[in-house]
Every structure is written in C-alpha cells, then in structure tokens.
C-alpha cells in the first residue's frame, strides 16, 4: 500500500522558507498573502493488511519524518 504524507510547519511556527518564497513572488508583482514550505513523502508499505500498513506508516512518520514540536502531518492512501 502506498501512503502520501504532507508535512508542514505548524501555523504558530515561523516558516522562514515560506516567508522568503512569498516575499520573492511579491517583489515580482504577485499578490501573495502567505506561503508554507514543507515536504511531500510517499511510502510504499508491502505485505500487510490495510490497517497494519496504515499503522506502520504512521509509526514511521512519527519516528523520523516529522518533528511534532514544530510540524503537523497529514497522511492519505494513494494508488
């Protein structure tokens, strides 16, 4: 099973990369209110039933793909 994981900074955390992107586009004449920069990860977990695969993918994300102090993550199954 494949899972897509989106990791973004928490809203209350200063996102310096997002701010730099927004400022760059603003200087180029685009109307950008805000921007967040994060990561998109695809995990392919094989040989397990769907519930076990999702639990293992969630455990992997929590072990090393995001920092719960400054980031949030969303995960969905993809085909």
PDB file of N, CA and C in Angstrom:
ATOM      1  N   UNK A   1       0.840  -1.177   0.000  1.00  0.00           N
ATOM      2  CA  UNK A   1       0.000   0.000   0.000  1.00  0.00           C
ATOM      3  C   UNK A   1       0.885   1.240   0.000  1.00  0.00           C
ATOM      4  N   UNK A   2       0.422   2.240  -0.682  1.00  0.00           N
ATOM      5  CA  UNK A   2       1.165   3.497  -0.742  1.00  0.00           C
ATOM      6  C   UNK A   2       0.426   4.563   0.060  1.00  0.00           C
ATOM      7  N   UNK A   3       1.224   5.362   0.744  1.00  0.00           N
ATOM      8  CA  UNK A   3       0.682   6.461   1.529  1.00  0.00           C
ATOM      9  C   UNK A   3       1.421   7.743   1.168  1.00  0.00           C
ATOM     10  N   UNK A   4       0.663   8.819   1.016  1.00  0.00           N
ATOM     11  CA  UNK A   4       1.238  10.137   0.768  1.00  0.00           C
ATOM     12  C   UNK A   4       1.216  10.907   2.078  1.00  0.00           C
ATOM     13  N   UNK A   5       2.351  11.461   2.434  1.00  0.00           N
ATOM     14  CA  UNK A   5       2.471  12.211   3.681  1.00  0.00           C
ATOM     15  C   UNK A   5       2.868  13.641   3.346  1.00  0.00           C
ATOM     16  N   UNK A   6       2.078  14.578   3.864  1.00  0.00           N
ATOM     17  CA  UNK A   6       2.373  16.001   3.695  1.00  0.00           C
ATOM     18  C   UNK A   6       2.780  16.538   5.060  1.00  0.00           C
ATOM     19  N   UNK A   7       3.968  17.121   5.143  1.00  0.00           N
ATOM     20  CA  UNK A   7       4.490  17.675   6.393  1.00  0.00           C
ATOM     21  C   UNK A   7       4.657  19.183   6.198  1.00  0.00           C
ATOM     22  N   UNK A   8       4.004  19.949   7.080  1.00  0.00           N
ATOM     23  CA  UNK A   8       4.095  21.408   7.021  1.00  0.00           C
ATOM     24  C   UNK A   8       4.369  21.977   8.406  1.00  0.00           C
ATOM     25  N   UNK A   9       4.976  23.163   8.447  1.00  0.00           N
ATOM     26  CA  UNK A   9       5.192  23.799   9.745  1.00  0.00           C
ATOM     27  C   UNK A   9       3.844  24.113  10.403  1.00  0.00           C
ATOM     28  N   UNK A  10       3.814  24.052  11.731  1.00  0.00           N
ATOM     29  CA  UNK A  10       2.606  24.459  12.448  1.00  0.00           C
ATOM     30  C   UNK A  10       2.375  25.948  12.189  1.00  0.00           C
ATOM     31  N   UNK A  11       1.108  26.381  12.188  1.00  0.00           N
ATOM     32  CA  UNK A  11       0.807  27.790  11.896  1.00  0.00           C
ATOM     33  C   UNK A  11       1.527  28.775  12.813  1.00  0.00           C
ATOM     34  N   UNK A  12       1.741  28.401  14.071  1.00  0.00           N
ATOM     35  CA  UNK A  12       2.365  29.328  15.017  1.00  0.00           C
ATOM     36  C   UNK A  12       3.886  29.371  14.913  1.00  0.00           C
ATOM     37  N   UNK A  13       4.474  28.515  14.076  1.00  0.00           N
ATOM     38  CA  UNK A  13       5.929  28.458  13.916  1.00  0.00           C
ATOM     39  C   UNK A  13       6.347  29.349  12.746  1.00  0.00           C
ATOM     40  N   UNK A  14       7.393  30.121  12.950  1.00  0.00           N
ATOM     41  CA  UNK A  14       7.907  30.974  11.887  1.00  0.00           C
ATOM     42  C   UNK A  14       8.482  30.110  10.766  1.00  0.00           C
ATOM     43  N   UNK A  15       7.911  30.233   9.577  1.00  0.00           N
ATOM     44  CA  UNK A  15       8.353  29.481   8.403  1.00  0.00           C
ATOM     45  C   UNK A  15       9.215  30.410   7.546  1.00  0.00           C
ATOM     46  N   UNK A  16      10.517  30.407   7.793  1.00  0.00           N
ATOM     47  CA  UNK A  16      11.395  31.335   7.084  1.00  0.00           C
ATOM     48  C   UNK A  16      11.462  31.036   5.591  1.00  0.00           C
ATOM     49  N   UNK A  17      11.408  29.754   5.210  1.00  0.00           N
ATOM     50  CA  UNK A  17      11.418  29.427   3.783  1.00  0.00           C
ATOM     51  C   UNK A  17      10.136  29.920   3.119  1.00  0.00           C
ATOM     52  N   UNK A  18       9.014  29.693   3.763  1.00  0.00           N
ATOM     53  CA  UNK A  18       7.738  30.159   3.221  1.00  0.00           C
ATOM     54  C   UNK A  18       7.701  31.667   3.088  1.00  0.00           C
ATOM     55  N   UNK A  19       8.221  32.353   4.098  1.00  0.00           N
ATOM     56  CA  UNK A  19       8.257  33.813   4.048  1.00  0.00           C
ATOM     57  C   UNK A  19       9.139  34.293   2.892  1.00  0.00           C
ATOM     58  N   UNK A  20      10.293  33.648   2.686  1.00  0.00           N
ATOM     59  CA  UNK A  20      11.190  34.042   1.597  1.00  0.00           C
ATOM     60  C   UNK A  20      10.523  33.837   0.233  1.00  0.00           C
ATOM     61  N   UNK A  21       9.812  32.726   0.067  1.00  0.00           N
ATOM     62  CA  UNK A  21       9.107  32.470  -1.203  1.00  0.00           C
ATOM     63  C   UNK A  21       8.032  33.529  -1.424  1.00  0.00           C
ATOM     64  N   UNK A  22       7.233  33.813  -0.397  1.00  0.00           N
ATOM     65  CA  UNK A  22       6.172  34.811  -0.518  1.00  0.00           C
ATOM     66  C   UNK A  22       6.740  36.187  -0.856  1.00  0.00           C
ATOM     67  N   UNK A  23       7.827  36.571  -0.186  1.00  0.00           N
ATOM     68  CA  UNK A  23       8.436  37.878  -0.453  1.00  0.00           C
ATOM     69  C   UNK A  23       8.995  37.953  -1.866  1.00  0.00           C
ATOM     70  N   UNK A  24       9.582  36.874  -2.344  1.00  0.00           N
ATOM     71  CA  UNK A  24      10.113  36.853  -3.712  1.00  0.00           C
ATOM     72  C   UNK A  24       9.003  37.059  -4.730  1.00  0.00           C
ATOM     73  N   UNK A  25       7.896  36.337  -4.561  1.00  0.00           N
ATOM     74  CA  UNK A  25       6.779  36.498  -5.506  1.00  0.00           C
ATOM     75  C   UNK A  25       6.158  37.885  -5.396  1.00  0.00           C
ATOM     76  N   UNK A  26       6.082  38.431  -4.195  1.00  0.00           N
ATOM     77  CA  UNK A  26       5.546  39.785  -4.016  1.00  0.00           C
ATOM     78  C   UNK A  26       6.413  40.800  -4.760  1.00  0.00           C
ATOM     79  N   UNK A  27       7.736  40.633  -4.667  1.00  0.00           N
ATOM     80  CA  UNK A  27       8.643  41.544  -5.394  1.00  0.00           C
ATOM     81  C   UNK A  27       8.474  41.430  -6.909  1.00  0.00           C
ATOM     82  N   UNK A  28       8.017  40.273  -7.371  1.00  0.00           N
ATOM     83  CA  UNK A  28       7.805  40.076  -8.802  1.00  0.00           C
ATOM     84  C   UNK A  28       6.383  40.443  -9.241  1.00  0.00           C
ATOM     85  N   UNK A  29       5.642  41.091  -8.351  1.00  0.00           N
ATOM     86  CA  UNK A  29       4.337  41.619  -8.718  1.00  0.00           C
ATOM     87  C   UNK A  29       3.159  40.695  -8.439  1.00  0.00           C
ATOM     88  N   UNK A  30       3.376  39.574  -7.794  1.00  0.00           N
ATOM     89  CA  UNK A  30       2.274  38.670  -7.474  1.00  0.00           C
ATOM     90  C   UNK A  30       1.699  39.039  -6.109  1.00  0.00           C
ATOM     91  N   UNK A  31       0.397  38.855  -5.961  1.00  0.00           N
ATOM     92  CA  UNK A  31      -0.262  39.149  -4.691  1.00  0.00           C
ATOM     93  C   UNK A  31      -0.299  37.877  -3.858  1.00  0.00           C
ATOM     94  N   UNK A  32       0.683  37.706  -2.972  1.00  0.00           N
ATOM     95  CA  UNK A  32       0.795  36.512  -2.141  1.00  0.00           C
ATOM     96  C   UNK A  32       0.555  36.913  -0.692  1.00  0.00           C
ATOM     97  N   UNK A  33      -0.496  36.332  -0.108  1.00  0.00           N
ATOM     98  CA  UNK A  33      -0.795  36.612   1.299  1.00  0.00           C
ATOM     99  C   UNK A  33       0.166  35.861   2.213  1.00  0.00           C
ATOM    100  N   UNK A  34       0.394  34.583   1.927  1.00  0.00           N
ATOM    101  CA  UNK A  34       1.335  33.797   2.717  1.00  0.00           C
ATOM    102  C   UNK A  34       1.743  32.559   1.929  1.00  0.00           C
ATOM    103  N   UNK A  35       2.757  31.878   2.420  1.00  0.00           N
ATOM    104  CA  UNK A  35       3.259  30.675   1.764  1.00  0.00           C
ATOM    105  C   UNK A  35       3.847  29.765   2.840  1.00  0.00           C
ATOM    106  N   UNK A  36       3.618  28.473   2.706  1.00  0.00           N
ATOM    107  CA  UNK A  36       4.248  27.495   3.587  1.00  0.00           C
ATOM    108  C   UNK A  36       5.079  26.553   2.729  1.00  0.00           C
ATOM    109  N   UNK A  37       6.259  26.226   3.211  1.00  0.00           N
ATOM    110  CA  UNK A  37       7.128  25.280   2.527  1.00  0.00           C
ATOM    111  C   UNK A  37       7.256  24.048   3.416  1.00  0.00           C
ATOM    112  N   UNK A  38       7.027  22.884   2.822  1.00  0.00           N
ATOM    113  CA  UNK A  38       7.080  21.649   3.584  1.00  0.00           C
ATOM    114  C   UNK A  38       7.655  20.518   2.752  1.00  0.00           C
ATOM    115  N   UNK A  39       7.242  19.299   3.087  1.00  0.00           N
ATOM    116  CA  UNK A  39       7.732  18.114   2.383  1.00  0.00           C
ATOM    117  C   UNK A  39       6.560  17.231   1.986  1.00  0.00           C
ATOM    118  N   UNK A  40       6.738  16.501   0.889  1.00  0.00           N
ATOM    119  CA  UNK A  40       5.765  15.521   0.415  1.00  0.00           C
ATOM    120  C   UNK A  40       6.502  14.202   0.283  1.00  0.00           C
ATOM    121  N   UNK A  41       6.047  13.195   1.009  1.00  0.00           N
ATOM    122  CA  UNK A  41       6.740  11.901   1.063  1.00  0.00           C
ATOM    123  C   UNK A  41       5.765  10.812   0.666  1.00  0.00           C
ATOM    124  N   UNK A  42       6.219   9.853  -0.133  1.00  0.00           N
ATOM    125  CA  UNK A  42       5.405   8.692  -0.480  1.00  0.00           C
ATOM    126  C   UNK A  42       6.072   7.456   0.090  1.00  0.00           C
ATOM    127  N   UNK A  43       5.337   6.722   0.922  1.00  0.00           N
ATOM    128  CA  UNK A  43       5.816   5.466   1.497  1.00  0.00           C
ATOM    129  C   UNK A  43       5.060   4.315   0.844  1.00  0.00           C
ATOM    130  N   UNK A  44       5.765   3.305   0.405  1.00  0.00           N
ATOM    131  CA  UNK A  44       5.159   2.094  -0.149  1.00  0.00           C
ATOM    132  C   UNK A  44       5.402   0.975   0.856  1.00  0.00           C
ATOM    133  N   UNK A  45       4.343   0.572   1.552  1.00  0.00           N
ATOM    134  CA  UNK A  45       4.435  -0.441   2.596  1.00  0.00           C
ATOM    135  C   UNK A  45       3.817  -1.722   2.041  1.00  0.00           C
ATOM    136  N   UNK A  46       4.620  -2.782   1.949  1.00  0.00           N
ATOM    137  CA  UNK A  46       4.161  -4.017   1.310  1.00  0.00           C
ATOM    138  C   UNK A  46       3.875  -5.133   2.297  1.00  0.00           C
ATOM    139  N   UNK A  47       3.057  -6.105   1.827  1.00  0.00           N
ATOM    140  CA  UNK A  47       2.870  -7.358   2.525  1.00  0.00           C
ATOM    141  C   UNK A  47       2.086  -7.306   3.817  1.00  0.00           C
ATOM    142  N   UNK A  48       1.181  -6.349   3.965  1.00  0.00           N
ATOM    143  CA  UNK A  48       0.429  -6.235   5.204  1.00  0.00           C
ATOM    144  C   UNK A  48      -1.039  -5.949   4.895  1.00  0.00           C
ATOM    145  N   UNK A  49      -1.912  -6.240   5.859  1.00  0.00           N
ATOM    146  CA  UNK A  49      -3.309  -5.861   5.662  1.00  0.00           C
ATOM    147  C   UNK A  49      -3.418  -4.346   5.776  1.00  0.00           C
ATOM    148  N   UNK A  50      -4.495  -3.754   5.267  1.00  0.00           N
ATOM    149  CA  UNK A  50      -4.591  -2.286   5.225  1.00  0.00           C
ATOM    150  C   UNK A  50      -4.441  -1.591   6.582  1.00  0.00           C
ATOM    151  N   UNK A  51      -5.051  -2.138   7.619  1.00  0.00           N
ATOM    152  CA  UNK A  51      -4.967  -1.495   8.939  1.00  0.00           C
ATOM    153  C   UNK A  51      -3.529  -1.530   9.479  1.00  0.00           C
ATOM    154  N   UNK A  52      -2.876  -2.669   9.302  1.00  0.00           N
ATOM    155  CA  UNK A  52      -1.497  -2.818   9.762  1.00  0.00           C
ATOM    156  C   UNK A  52      -0.557  -1.923   8.963  1.00  0.00           C
ATOM    157  N   UNK A  53      -0.783  -1.842   7.663  1.00  0.00           N
ATOM    158  CA  UNK A  53       0.051  -0.995   6.814  1.00  0.00           C
ATOM    159  C   UNK A  53      -0.073   0.464   7.226  1.00  0.00           C
ATOM    160  N   UNK A  54      -1.301   0.915   7.465  1.00  0.00           N
ATOM    161  CA  UNK A  54      -1.504   2.313   7.874  1.00  0.00           C
ATOM    162  C   UNK A  54      -0.869   2.577   9.229  1.00  0.00           C
ATOM    163  N   UNK A  55      -1.010   1.639  10.166  1.00  0.00           N
ATOM    164  CA  UNK A  55      -0.401   1.801  11.489  1.00  0.00           C
ATOM    165  C   UNK A  55       1.117   1.867  11.382  1.00  0.00           C
ATOM    166  N   UNK A  56       1.702   1.015  10.543  1.00  0.00           N
ATOM    167  CA  UNK A  56       3.157   1.031  10.369  1.00  0.00           C
ATOM    168  C   UNK A  56       3.624   2.313   9.687  1.00  0.00           C
ATOM    169  N   UNK A  57       2.893   2.778   8.685  1.00  0.00           N
ATOM    170  CA  UNK A  57       3.261   4.027   8.010  1.00  0.00           C
ATOM    171  C   UNK A  57       3.189   5.195   8.984  1.00  0.00           C
ATOM    172  N   UNK A  58       2.153   5.225   9.813  1.00  0.00           N
ATOM    173  CA  UNK A  58       2.026   6.283  10.820  1.00  0.00           C
ATOM    174  C   UNK A  58       3.186   6.231  11.806  1.00  0.00           C
ATOM    175  N   UNK A  59       3.548   5.031  12.232  1.00  0.00           N
ATOM    176  CA  UNK A  59       4.682   4.878  13.153  1.00  0.00           C
ATOM    177  C   UNK A  59       5.975   5.377  12.518  1.00  0.00           C
ATOM    178  N   UNK A  60       6.176   5.086  11.221  1.00  0.00           N
ATOM    179  CA  UNK A  60       7.385   5.557  10.533  1.00  0.00           C
ATOM    180  C   UNK A  60       7.426   7.071  10.480  1.00  0.00           C
ATOM    181  N   UNK A  61       6.283   7.691  10.183  1.00  0.00           N
ATOM    182  CA  UNK A  61       6.222   9.152  10.128  1.00  0.00           C
ATOM    183  C   UNK A  61       6.593   9.729  11.488  1.00  0.00           C
ATOM    184  N   UNK A  62       6.004   9.164  12.530  1.00  0.00           N
ATOM    185  CA  UNK A  62       6.256   9.683  13.879  1.00  0.00           C
ATOM    186  C   UNK A  62       7.679   9.424  14.358  1.00  0.00           C
ATOM    187  N   UNK A  63       8.308   8.366  13.866  1.00  0.00           N
ATOM    188  CA  UNK A  63       9.687   8.041  14.267  1.00  0.00           C
ATOM    189  C   UNK A  63      10.728   8.951  13.634  1.00  0.00           C
ATOM    190  N   UNK A  64      10.470   9.432  12.397  1.00  0.00           N
ATOM    191  CA  UNK A  64      11.559  10.162  11.777  1.00  0.00           C
ATOM    192  C   UNK A  64      11.238  11.090  10.631  1.00  0.00           C
ATOM    193  N   UNK A  65       9.964  11.262  10.282  1.00  0.00           N
ATOM    194  CA  UNK A  65       9.670  12.107   9.126  1.00  0.00           C
ATOM    195  C   UNK A  65       9.116  13.479   9.487  1.00  0.00           C
ATOM    196  N   UNK A  66       8.787  13.670  10.758  1.00  0.00           N
ATOM    197  CA  UNK A  66       8.321  15.000  11.154  1.00  0.00           C
ATOM    198  C   UNK A  66       8.692  15.269  12.602  1.00  0.00           C
ATOM    199  N   UNK A  67       8.725  16.547  12.943  1.00  0.00           N
ATOM    200  CA  UNK A  67       9.036  16.977  14.302  1.00  0.00           C
ATOM    201  C   UNK A  67       7.735  17.493  14.921  1.00  0.00           C
ATOM    202  N   UNK A  68       7.152  16.756  15.873  1.00  0.00           N
ATOM    203  CA  UNK A  68       5.859  17.144  16.426  1.00  0.00           C
ATOM    204  C   UNK A  68       5.852  18.485  17.168  1.00  0.00           C
ATOM    205  N   UNK A  69       7.011  18.991  17.520  1.00  0.00           N
ATOM    206  CA  UNK A  69       7.067  20.283  18.197  1.00  0.00           C
ATOM    207  C   UNK A  69       6.795  21.441  17.246  1.00  0.00           C
ATOM    208  N   UNK A  70       7.197  21.282  15.979  1.00  0.00           N
ATOM    209  CA  UNK A  70       7.082  22.414  15.043  1.00  0.00           C
ATOM    210  C   UNK A  70       6.333  22.086  13.759  1.00  0.00           C
ATOM    211  N   UNK A  71       5.931  20.815  13.572  1.00  0.00           N
ATOM    212  CA  UNK A  71       5.287  20.427  12.318  1.00  0.00           C
ATOM    213  C   UNK A  71       4.016  19.608  12.563  1.00  0.00           C
ATOM    214  N   UNK A  72       3.133  19.660  11.574  1.00  0.00           N
ATOM    215  CA  UNK A  72       1.956  18.793  11.503  1.00  0.00           C
ATOM    216  C   UNK A  72       2.105  17.914  10.275  1.00  0.00           C
ATOM    217  N   UNK A  73       1.428  16.762  10.288  1.00  0.00           N
ATOM    218  CA  UNK A  73       1.442  15.934   9.091  1.00  0.00           C
ATOM    219  C   UNK A  73       0.035  15.444   8.783  1.00  0.00           C
ATOM    220  N   UNK A  74      -0.193  15.197   7.501  1.00  0.00           N
ATOM    221  CA  UNK A  74      -1.418  14.582   7.009  1.00  0.00           C
ATOM    222  C   UNK A  74      -1.009  13.377   6.176  1.00  0.00           C
ATOM    223  N   UNK A  75      -1.776  12.296   6.280  1.00  0.00           N
ATOM    224  CA  UNK A  75      -1.446  11.093   5.527  1.00  0.00           C
ATOM    225  C   UNK A  75      -2.699  10.562   4.848  1.00  0.00           C
ATOM    226  N   UNK A  76      -2.532  10.137   3.599  1.00  0.00           N
ATOM    227  CA  UNK A  76      -3.650   9.518   2.889  1.00  0.00           C
ATOM    228  C   UNK A  76      -3.137   8.365   2.046  1.00  0.00           C
ATOM    229  N   UNK A  77      -3.997   7.395   1.847  1.00  0.00           N
ATOM    230  CA  UNK A  77      -3.653   6.264   0.992  1.00  0.00           C
ATOM    231  C   UNK A  77      -3.768   6.691  -0.464  1.00  0.00           C
ATOM    232  N   UNK A  78      -2.796   6.298  -1.263  1.00  0.00           N
ATOM    233  CA  UNK A  78      -2.834   6.587  -2.697  1.00  0.00           C
ATOM    234  C   UNK A  78      -2.704   5.294  -3.473  1.00  0.00           C
ATOM    235  N   UNK A  79      -3.074   5.334  -4.733  1.00  0.00           N
ATOM    236  CA  UNK A  79      -2.997   4.138  -5.576  1.00  0.00           C
ATOM    237  C   UNK A  79      -1.844   4.209  -6.531  1.00  0.00           C
TER     238      UNK A  79
END
